[in-house]
Each structure stands twice: as structure tokens, then as C-alpha cells.
N, C-alpha and C. Protein backbone atom coordinates (compact mmCIF):
# COMPACT_ATOMS: atom_id res chain seq x y z
N MET A 1 11.57 13.84 -14.39
CA MET A 1 12.45 13.23 -13.45
C MET A 1 11.82 11.93 -12.98
N ALA A 2 12.55 10.89 -12.93
CA ALA A 2 12.10 9.54 -12.44
C ALA A 2 12.57 9.33 -11.05
N LYS A 3 11.82 8.53 -10.29
CA LYS A 3 12.23 8.14 -8.96
C LYS A 3 12.30 6.62 -8.90
N SER A 4 13.06 6.14 -8.02
CA SER A 4 13.28 4.67 -7.88
C SER A 4 12.42 4.16 -6.71
N ILE A 5 11.76 3.02 -6.94
CA ILE A 5 11.06 2.35 -5.88
C ILE A 5 11.67 0.97 -5.71
N THR A 6 11.64 0.44 -4.49
CA THR A 6 12.30 -0.85 -4.27
C THR A 6 11.43 -1.81 -3.48
N TYR A 7 11.77 -3.05 -3.62
CA TYR A 7 11.15 -4.14 -2.88
C TYR A 7 12.21 -5.01 -2.33
N PRO A 8 12.20 -5.35 -1.09
CA PRO A 8 11.31 -4.82 -0.04
C PRO A 8 11.72 -3.43 0.39
N SER A 9 10.74 -2.74 0.95
CA SER A 9 10.94 -1.36 1.44
C SER A 9 9.76 -1.04 2.38
N VAL A 10 9.76 0.18 2.94
CA VAL A 10 8.64 0.57 3.78
C VAL A 10 7.33 0.58 2.98
N ASP A 11 7.41 1.04 1.71
CA ASP A 11 6.21 1.07 0.89
C ASP A 11 5.79 -0.29 0.34
N PHE A 12 6.77 -1.18 0.23
CA PHE A 12 6.52 -2.51 -0.32
C PHE A 12 7.19 -3.56 0.57
N PRO A 13 6.53 -3.86 1.75
CA PRO A 13 7.17 -4.79 2.68
C PRO A 13 7.42 -6.16 2.03
N GLY A 14 8.51 -6.79 2.45
CA GLY A 14 8.81 -8.11 1.96
C GLY A 14 7.82 -9.11 2.57
N PRO A 15 7.88 -10.33 2.09
CA PRO A 15 6.89 -11.35 2.59
C PRO A 15 7.24 -11.73 4.04
N PRO A 16 6.24 -12.16 4.76
CA PRO A 16 6.52 -12.65 6.13
C PRO A 16 7.30 -13.95 6.07
N ARG A 17 8.09 -14.14 7.08
CA ARG A 17 8.81 -15.42 7.27
C ARG A 17 7.84 -16.31 8.06
N ILE A 18 7.62 -17.52 7.57
CA ILE A 18 6.59 -18.42 8.13
C ILE A 18 7.30 -19.71 8.53
N ALA A 19 6.97 -20.26 9.71
CA ALA A 19 7.52 -21.54 10.15
C ALA A 19 6.35 -22.42 10.62
N LEU A 20 6.44 -23.71 10.32
CA LEU A 20 5.52 -24.72 10.82
C LEU A 20 6.32 -25.88 11.36
N ASP A 21 5.75 -26.55 12.37
CA ASP A 21 6.31 -27.78 12.87
C ASP A 21 5.55 -28.93 12.25
N ILE A 22 6.27 -29.82 11.56
CA ILE A 22 5.60 -30.97 10.90
C ILE A 22 6.20 -32.26 11.48
N PRO A 23 5.49 -33.40 11.37
CA PRO A 23 6.03 -34.63 11.85
C PRO A 23 7.34 -35.00 11.13
N ASP A 24 8.21 -35.70 11.82
CA ASP A 24 9.52 -36.04 11.29
C ASP A 24 9.44 -36.80 9.95
N ASP A 25 8.43 -37.63 9.77
CA ASP A 25 8.34 -38.45 8.56
C ASP A 25 7.66 -37.73 7.39
N TRP A 26 7.12 -36.51 7.62
CA TRP A 26 6.51 -35.77 6.53
C TRP A 26 7.55 -35.26 5.57
N GLU A 27 7.15 -35.05 4.31
CA GLU A 27 8.08 -34.55 3.28
C GLU A 27 7.71 -33.11 2.90
N THR A 28 8.69 -32.32 2.64
CA THR A 28 8.41 -30.95 2.14
C THR A 28 8.15 -31.08 0.64
N LEU A 29 7.27 -30.17 0.15
CA LEU A 29 6.91 -30.17 -1.29
C LEU A 29 7.08 -28.78 -1.89
N THR A 30 7.48 -28.76 -3.13
CA THR A 30 7.51 -27.47 -3.85
C THR A 30 6.29 -27.46 -4.76
N VAL A 31 5.45 -26.45 -4.53
CA VAL A 31 4.19 -26.34 -5.26
C VAL A 31 4.12 -24.89 -5.82
N PRO A 32 3.88 -24.72 -7.11
CA PRO A 32 3.80 -23.38 -7.68
C PRO A 32 2.77 -22.51 -6.98
N GLY A 33 3.15 -21.27 -6.69
CA GLY A 33 2.21 -20.35 -6.05
C GLY A 33 1.99 -20.54 -4.54
N VAL A 34 2.74 -21.46 -3.96
CA VAL A 34 2.59 -21.83 -2.54
C VAL A 34 3.89 -21.53 -1.83
N GLN A 35 3.77 -20.89 -0.62
CA GLN A 35 4.97 -20.56 0.15
C GLN A 35 5.56 -21.77 0.85
N LEU A 36 4.72 -22.60 1.47
CA LEU A 36 5.15 -23.80 2.19
C LEU A 36 4.19 -24.93 1.90
N ALA A 37 4.68 -26.14 1.77
CA ALA A 37 3.81 -27.32 1.62
C ALA A 37 4.53 -28.53 2.13
N ALA A 38 3.78 -29.40 2.81
CA ALA A 38 4.33 -30.65 3.32
C ALA A 38 3.25 -31.71 3.33
N ALA A 39 3.66 -32.96 3.20
CA ALA A 39 2.70 -34.06 3.16
C ALA A 39 3.28 -35.27 3.85
N GLN A 40 2.40 -36.12 4.32
CA GLN A 40 2.81 -37.38 4.93
C GLN A 40 3.37 -38.29 3.85
N PRO A 41 4.12 -39.31 4.26
CA PRO A 41 4.68 -40.20 3.25
C PRO A 41 3.55 -40.85 2.40
N ARG A 42 3.92 -41.12 1.18
CA ARG A 42 2.99 -41.73 0.22
C ARG A 42 2.67 -43.17 0.61
N VAL A 43 1.38 -43.53 0.60
CA VAL A 43 0.94 -44.88 0.82
C VAL A 43 0.03 -45.22 -0.33
N ASP A 44 0.33 -46.28 -1.11
CA ASP A 44 -0.49 -46.63 -2.26
C ASP A 44 -1.96 -46.76 -1.89
N GLY A 45 -2.82 -46.13 -2.72
CA GLY A 45 -4.27 -46.23 -2.55
C GLY A 45 -4.85 -45.41 -1.41
N GLN A 46 -4.04 -44.56 -0.75
CA GLN A 46 -4.52 -43.75 0.34
C GLN A 46 -4.27 -42.26 0.09
N PHE A 47 -5.27 -41.43 0.46
CA PHE A 47 -5.06 -39.96 0.32
C PHE A 47 -3.92 -39.54 1.22
N ARG A 48 -3.07 -38.71 0.71
CA ARG A 48 -1.90 -38.26 1.42
C ARG A 48 -2.22 -36.94 2.18
N ALA A 49 -2.30 -37.00 3.53
CA ALA A 49 -2.56 -35.81 4.29
C ALA A 49 -1.47 -34.78 3.99
N ASN A 50 -1.89 -33.48 3.96
CA ASN A 50 -0.96 -32.43 3.62
C ASN A 50 -1.37 -31.13 4.25
N VAL A 51 -0.45 -30.19 4.30
CA VAL A 51 -0.70 -28.84 4.74
C VAL A 51 -0.02 -27.89 3.75
N VAL A 52 -0.76 -26.85 3.34
CA VAL A 52 -0.29 -25.90 2.37
C VAL A 52 -0.47 -24.50 2.91
N VAL A 53 0.56 -23.64 2.77
CA VAL A 53 0.50 -22.28 3.28
C VAL A 53 0.69 -21.34 2.08
N THR A 54 -0.25 -20.37 1.97
CA THR A 54 -0.09 -19.32 0.96
C THR A 54 -0.24 -17.94 1.61
N VAL A 55 0.36 -16.99 0.98
CA VAL A 55 0.22 -15.58 1.37
C VAL A 55 -0.19 -14.79 0.16
N GLN A 56 -1.24 -13.97 0.31
CA GLN A 56 -1.66 -13.07 -0.76
C GLN A 56 -1.65 -11.64 -0.24
N ARG A 57 -1.22 -10.74 -1.11
CA ARG A 57 -1.13 -9.33 -0.72
C ARG A 57 -2.37 -8.60 -1.22
N PHE A 58 -2.93 -7.76 -0.33
CA PHE A 58 -4.08 -6.92 -0.65
C PHE A 58 -3.76 -5.51 -0.18
N GLY A 59 -4.69 -4.58 -0.50
CA GLY A 59 -4.56 -3.21 -0.05
C GLY A 59 -4.68 -3.10 1.44
N PRO A 60 -4.38 -1.92 2.00
CA PRO A 60 -4.34 -1.76 3.46
C PRO A 60 -5.71 -1.87 4.14
N ASP A 61 -6.81 -1.72 3.40
CA ASP A 61 -8.15 -1.77 3.98
C ASP A 61 -8.77 -3.16 3.94
N PHE A 62 -8.06 -4.17 3.48
CA PHE A 62 -8.61 -5.55 3.44
C PHE A 62 -8.84 -6.03 4.86
N THR A 63 -9.98 -6.73 5.09
CA THR A 63 -10.36 -7.14 6.44
C THR A 63 -10.47 -8.65 6.53
N LEU A 64 -10.54 -9.11 7.80
CA LEU A 64 -10.73 -10.54 8.05
C LEU A 64 -12.08 -10.99 7.52
N GLU A 65 -13.08 -10.12 7.60
CA GLU A 65 -14.43 -10.43 7.04
C GLU A 65 -14.34 -10.64 5.53
N ALA A 66 -13.51 -9.83 4.85
CA ALA A 66 -13.35 -10.00 3.43
C ALA A 66 -12.64 -11.34 3.12
N ALA A 67 -11.72 -11.69 3.95
CA ALA A 67 -11.05 -13.00 3.81
C ALA A 67 -12.04 -14.13 3.99
N LYS A 68 -12.95 -14.00 4.98
CA LYS A 68 -13.96 -15.02 5.20
C LYS A 68 -14.90 -15.10 4.00
N ALA A 69 -15.27 -13.98 3.43
CA ALA A 69 -16.14 -14.01 2.22
C ALA A 69 -15.46 -14.72 1.06
N GLY A 70 -14.13 -14.55 0.93
CA GLY A 70 -13.39 -15.26 -0.09
C GLY A 70 -13.38 -16.76 0.14
N LEU A 71 -13.24 -17.14 1.42
CA LEU A 71 -13.29 -18.59 1.80
C LEU A 71 -14.66 -19.13 1.46
N GLU A 72 -15.72 -18.45 1.82
CA GLU A 72 -17.07 -18.92 1.55
C GLU A 72 -17.29 -19.08 0.03
N GLN A 73 -16.77 -18.17 -0.75
CA GLN A 73 -16.95 -18.27 -2.23
C GLN A 73 -16.18 -19.49 -2.75
N ARG A 74 -14.97 -19.71 -2.19
CA ARG A 74 -14.19 -20.85 -2.65
C ARG A 74 -14.91 -22.18 -2.27
N LYS A 75 -15.45 -22.24 -1.07
CA LYS A 75 -16.13 -23.44 -0.64
C LYS A 75 -17.40 -23.69 -1.48
N ALA A 76 -18.08 -22.62 -1.84
CA ALA A 76 -19.31 -22.77 -2.65
C ALA A 76 -19.07 -23.46 -3.97
N ALA A 77 -17.84 -23.43 -4.45
CA ALA A 77 -17.50 -24.00 -5.76
C ALA A 77 -17.10 -25.50 -5.59
N LEU A 78 -16.98 -25.99 -4.36
CA LEU A 78 -16.58 -27.37 -4.17
C LEU A 78 -17.75 -28.34 -4.38
N PRO A 79 -17.51 -29.49 -5.02
CA PRO A 79 -18.58 -30.43 -5.28
C PRO A 79 -18.97 -31.18 -3.98
N GLU A 80 -20.28 -31.36 -3.82
CA GLU A 80 -20.84 -32.09 -2.71
C GLU A 80 -20.22 -31.69 -1.35
N LEU A 81 -20.25 -30.38 -1.11
CA LEU A 81 -19.72 -29.78 0.10
C LEU A 81 -20.51 -30.20 1.30
N GLU A 82 -19.84 -30.60 2.36
CA GLU A 82 -20.44 -30.87 3.66
C GLU A 82 -19.75 -29.98 4.70
N GLU A 83 -20.44 -28.97 5.16
CA GLU A 83 -19.89 -28.03 6.13
C GLU A 83 -19.82 -28.70 7.50
N LEU A 84 -18.64 -28.66 8.12
CA LEU A 84 -18.44 -29.24 9.42
C LEU A 84 -18.41 -28.14 10.51
N GLY A 85 -18.04 -26.92 10.11
CA GLY A 85 -18.06 -25.87 11.08
C GLY A 85 -17.12 -24.73 10.64
N THR A 86 -17.57 -23.49 10.93
CA THR A 86 -16.78 -22.29 10.60
C THR A 86 -16.95 -21.30 11.74
N GLY A 87 -15.87 -20.64 12.12
CA GLY A 87 -15.91 -19.65 13.17
C GLY A 87 -14.56 -19.00 13.34
N GLN A 88 -14.44 -18.19 14.37
CA GLN A 88 -13.17 -17.57 14.67
C GLN A 88 -12.49 -18.32 15.83
N ILE A 89 -11.17 -18.46 15.73
CA ILE A 89 -10.37 -19.03 16.81
C ILE A 89 -9.20 -18.09 17.10
N ASP A 90 -8.67 -18.21 18.28
CA ASP A 90 -7.46 -17.43 18.63
C ASP A 90 -6.33 -18.40 18.94
N VAL A 91 -5.21 -18.17 18.24
CA VAL A 91 -4.05 -19.00 18.47
C VAL A 91 -2.88 -18.05 18.77
N GLU A 92 -2.43 -18.09 20.01
CA GLU A 92 -1.28 -17.30 20.47
C GLU A 92 -1.44 -15.81 20.13
N GLY A 93 -2.68 -15.30 20.37
CA GLY A 93 -2.91 -13.88 20.19
C GLY A 93 -3.31 -13.45 18.77
N THR A 94 -3.37 -14.41 17.86
CA THR A 94 -3.79 -14.08 16.49
C THR A 94 -5.19 -14.67 16.23
N THR A 95 -6.04 -13.83 15.69
CA THR A 95 -7.39 -14.28 15.35
C THR A 95 -7.42 -14.87 13.95
N TRP A 96 -8.00 -16.03 13.83
CA TRP A 96 -8.10 -16.73 12.56
C TRP A 96 -9.57 -17.04 12.26
N ILE A 97 -9.94 -17.01 10.99
CA ILE A 97 -11.18 -17.64 10.53
C ILE A 97 -10.82 -19.08 10.33
N ALA A 98 -11.54 -20.00 10.94
CA ALA A 98 -11.26 -21.45 10.80
C ALA A 98 -12.50 -22.10 10.26
N SER A 99 -12.31 -22.94 9.26
CA SER A 99 -13.45 -23.64 8.64
C SER A 99 -13.02 -25.05 8.35
N GLU A 100 -13.90 -26.01 8.68
CA GLU A 100 -13.63 -27.43 8.39
C GLU A 100 -14.83 -27.92 7.60
N TYR A 101 -14.50 -28.68 6.54
CA TYR A 101 -15.54 -29.16 5.62
C TYR A 101 -15.01 -30.36 4.84
N GLY A 102 -15.92 -31.08 4.25
CA GLY A 102 -15.60 -32.21 3.39
C GLY A 102 -16.19 -31.98 2.04
N TYR A 103 -15.60 -32.57 1.02
CA TYR A 103 -16.17 -32.54 -0.34
C TYR A 103 -15.74 -33.77 -1.08
N THR A 104 -16.53 -34.11 -2.13
CA THR A 104 -16.29 -35.28 -2.90
C THR A 104 -16.31 -34.93 -4.38
N GLN A 105 -15.21 -35.20 -5.06
CA GLN A 105 -15.17 -35.04 -6.51
C GLN A 105 -15.56 -36.32 -7.16
N PRO A 106 -16.26 -36.25 -8.25
CA PRO A 106 -16.70 -37.50 -8.94
C PRO A 106 -15.52 -38.48 -9.18
N GLY A 107 -15.70 -39.73 -8.76
CA GLY A 107 -14.68 -40.73 -8.98
C GLY A 107 -13.52 -40.70 -8.07
N ARG A 108 -13.55 -39.85 -7.04
CA ARG A 108 -12.41 -39.71 -6.12
C ARG A 108 -12.91 -39.82 -4.67
N PRO A 109 -12.00 -40.13 -3.75
CA PRO A 109 -12.44 -40.26 -2.34
C PRO A 109 -12.77 -38.88 -1.77
N THR A 110 -13.60 -38.91 -0.71
CA THR A 110 -13.95 -37.64 -0.04
C THR A 110 -12.74 -37.09 0.69
N VAL A 111 -12.56 -35.78 0.60
CA VAL A 111 -11.49 -35.05 1.23
C VAL A 111 -12.07 -34.20 2.38
N VAL A 112 -11.39 -34.19 3.51
CA VAL A 112 -11.73 -33.30 4.60
C VAL A 112 -10.63 -32.25 4.71
N GLN A 113 -11.08 -30.96 4.74
CA GLN A 113 -10.11 -29.88 4.83
C GLN A 113 -10.36 -29.03 6.06
N ALA A 114 -9.27 -28.53 6.64
CA ALA A 114 -9.31 -27.57 7.72
C ALA A 114 -8.57 -26.33 7.16
N ALA A 115 -9.31 -25.27 6.96
CA ALA A 115 -8.75 -24.03 6.39
C ALA A 115 -8.71 -22.96 7.47
N ARG A 116 -7.61 -22.23 7.52
CA ARG A 116 -7.47 -21.11 8.48
C ARG A 116 -6.96 -19.87 7.68
N TYR A 117 -7.56 -18.74 7.99
CA TYR A 117 -7.15 -17.47 7.37
C TYR A 117 -6.95 -16.43 8.46
N THR A 118 -5.88 -15.65 8.33
CA THR A 118 -5.70 -14.46 9.16
C THR A 118 -5.12 -13.34 8.27
N ILE A 119 -5.23 -12.12 8.79
CA ILE A 119 -4.68 -11.00 8.05
C ILE A 119 -3.54 -10.41 8.83
N ILE A 120 -2.58 -9.86 8.10
CA ILE A 120 -1.37 -9.28 8.70
C ILE A 120 -1.26 -7.88 8.19
N ASP A 121 -1.34 -6.87 9.06
CA ASP A 121 -1.14 -5.48 8.70
C ASP A 121 0.32 -5.26 8.41
N ARG A 122 0.59 -4.72 7.23
CA ARG A 122 2.00 -4.49 6.81
C ARG A 122 2.28 -2.98 6.88
N GLY A 123 2.18 -2.44 8.10
CA GLY A 123 2.54 -1.05 8.33
C GLY A 123 1.60 -0.04 7.67
N GLY A 124 0.38 -0.43 7.48
CA GLY A 124 -0.63 0.49 6.91
C GLY A 124 -0.53 0.66 5.39
N VAL A 125 0.45 -0.01 4.74
CA VAL A 125 0.58 0.13 3.30
C VAL A 125 0.01 -1.06 2.54
N ALA A 126 -0.22 -2.19 3.25
CA ALA A 126 -0.72 -3.40 2.63
C ALA A 126 -1.25 -4.32 3.71
N THR A 127 -2.03 -5.30 3.28
CA THR A 127 -2.47 -6.38 4.17
C THR A 127 -2.15 -7.71 3.51
N ASP A 128 -1.49 -8.59 4.24
CA ASP A 128 -1.24 -9.95 3.76
C ASP A 128 -2.25 -10.86 4.34
N VAL A 129 -2.80 -11.75 3.50
CA VAL A 129 -3.70 -12.78 3.99
C VAL A 129 -2.92 -14.05 4.02
N LEU A 130 -2.82 -14.65 5.20
CA LEU A 130 -2.12 -15.92 5.40
C LEU A 130 -3.18 -17.02 5.46
N GLU A 131 -3.03 -17.99 4.62
CA GLU A 131 -3.95 -19.12 4.53
C GLU A 131 -3.15 -20.42 4.83
N ILE A 132 -3.68 -21.23 5.74
CA ILE A 132 -3.13 -22.54 5.99
C ILE A 132 -4.24 -23.55 5.83
N VAL A 133 -4.10 -24.40 4.81
CA VAL A 133 -5.10 -25.42 4.54
C VAL A 133 -4.49 -26.79 4.72
N GLY A 134 -5.11 -27.55 5.59
CA GLY A 134 -4.71 -28.95 5.81
C GLY A 134 -5.77 -29.86 5.21
N SER A 135 -5.36 -30.92 4.59
CA SER A 135 -6.29 -31.84 3.93
C SER A 135 -5.95 -33.30 4.33
N CYS A 136 -6.98 -34.10 4.41
CA CYS A 136 -6.80 -35.53 4.66
C CYS A 136 -7.99 -36.28 4.05
N GLY A 137 -7.80 -37.54 3.83
CA GLY A 137 -8.89 -38.39 3.34
C GLY A 137 -9.95 -38.60 4.38
N ALA A 138 -11.19 -38.70 4.00
CA ALA A 138 -12.28 -38.88 4.97
C ALA A 138 -12.16 -40.20 5.74
N GLU A 139 -11.62 -41.23 5.12
CA GLU A 139 -11.53 -42.56 5.74
C GLU A 139 -10.50 -42.52 6.89
N THR A 140 -9.58 -41.58 6.88
CA THR A 140 -8.55 -41.49 7.97
C THR A 140 -8.64 -40.14 8.70
N ALA A 141 -9.69 -39.40 8.48
CA ALA A 141 -9.80 -38.06 9.01
C ALA A 141 -9.87 -38.03 10.52
N GLU A 142 -10.46 -39.00 11.14
CA GLU A 142 -10.60 -39.00 12.58
C GLU A 142 -9.25 -38.90 13.28
N GLU A 143 -8.23 -39.64 12.77
CA GLU A 143 -6.89 -39.56 13.35
C GLU A 143 -6.11 -38.39 12.78
N GLU A 144 -6.22 -38.16 11.52
CA GLU A 144 -5.35 -37.18 10.83
C GLU A 144 -5.74 -35.73 11.02
N ILE A 145 -7.00 -35.43 11.25
CA ILE A 145 -7.41 -34.05 11.39
C ILE A 145 -6.78 -33.40 12.60
N GLU A 146 -6.60 -34.18 13.68
CA GLU A 146 -5.87 -33.64 14.86
C GLU A 146 -4.44 -33.29 14.55
N MET A 147 -3.77 -34.11 13.74
CA MET A 147 -2.42 -33.83 13.33
C MET A 147 -2.36 -32.56 12.50
N VAL A 148 -3.30 -32.41 11.58
CA VAL A 148 -3.38 -31.21 10.76
C VAL A 148 -3.60 -29.98 11.63
N ARG A 149 -4.50 -30.03 12.56
CA ARG A 149 -4.75 -28.91 13.47
C ARG A 149 -3.48 -28.57 14.28
N THR A 150 -2.77 -29.57 14.75
CA THR A 150 -1.52 -29.35 15.51
C THR A 150 -0.51 -28.64 14.65
N ILE A 151 -0.39 -29.04 13.39
CA ILE A 151 0.53 -28.35 12.49
C ILE A 151 0.11 -26.92 12.29
N GLN A 152 -1.16 -26.67 12.08
CA GLN A 152 -1.70 -25.30 11.92
C GLN A 152 -1.44 -24.46 13.16
N ASP A 153 -1.62 -25.05 14.36
CA ASP A 153 -1.41 -24.32 15.58
C ASP A 153 0.06 -23.96 15.77
N SER A 154 0.97 -24.65 15.14
CA SER A 154 2.42 -24.39 15.33
C SER A 154 2.94 -23.21 14.52
N VAL A 155 2.13 -22.58 13.73
CA VAL A 155 2.61 -21.53 12.82
C VAL A 155 3.23 -20.39 13.66
N SER A 156 4.36 -19.91 13.15
CA SER A 156 4.93 -18.72 13.74
C SER A 156 5.35 -17.77 12.56
N LEU A 157 5.25 -16.49 12.84
CA LEU A 157 5.50 -15.46 11.82
C LEU A 157 6.61 -14.53 12.27
N ASP A 158 7.40 -14.09 11.32
CA ASP A 158 8.41 -13.07 11.56
C ASP A 158 8.24 -12.04 10.47
N LEU A 159 7.90 -10.81 10.84
CA LEU A 159 7.66 -9.78 9.83
C LEU A 159 8.85 -8.85 9.63
N SER A 160 9.99 -9.16 10.21
CA SER A 160 11.15 -8.31 10.05
C SER A 160 11.85 -8.49 8.75
């Protein structure tokens, strides 16, 4: 006898609904494997600040510490990494791992990134890891990193 399983369902929760507030002049982008992406208008010769949101599903025992370990592994692979700071922050009752760093790829300008990770319990059957990464060019980072953080702070989730 066969049984039917469905998505979404109690056993397989659907994806969270995610909203961000972005500046009026920013453009939305469609990027494979990414749930949300937006970038400032294109300016010739300048790095385009952007924010990208991804969600990955893991088993119910996945922890914020495991998400942090994944972040550290990803950063370790970046060329000429300069760590600016990593720690936990609380935004509207949600705990996030927050890390800011710069890196330089050969022949390209230095990029500054602000990465945030949190985990979402999906009723004890799964854990979703929500990642919000904002990027800007090092030459404009002083002004743009605050805009990126403001966008990250605006995130809202709906799990219904």
C-alpha cells in the first residue's frame, strides 16, 4: 500500500514569506537559487551595492552555531579576507549571527560584505536557515554599509 505525502504540509512546511524594505531607486533582481535580491542602480565603473536573501532547509536539530560554522567556512575560502567583526545581534526578538568583512579578488575592487544568519524552527520537523548578505564596494562602504544594515534590519517573516 502506498501513501501520499504533500508539500507544503505539517511534515514539509512551505517556505517562509520574507519582506525587505529597499530604497525607492533600487532594482529587484532575479538570481538562480536566491529567494530575494535587490541592487542599487548601475553606475559605470562602480561596484553596485546589493542585498541577497537565501533560505536553506536543514533537519530539525540544526543550530545557530552550525550556521555560524558554515559562515566561517565560507569566509575562509575568500581571497585576502579582512575580518571586520562577527558576533550575535538581536533584531526585533530574533537572534542573528552577524559578520562583516572585506575581501579582494585578483584584478577586482575590494568588496565589503555584511552577512546575517538566523534559524527558523519549522514545527520541529525542519530548520530553515535565513541568510541576508549585503555587499558594497570598499571605496563607498562608509556610506553604503549603513544602507545595507538598514535593509537587513527591515526583514520581516511570515511562517503561515
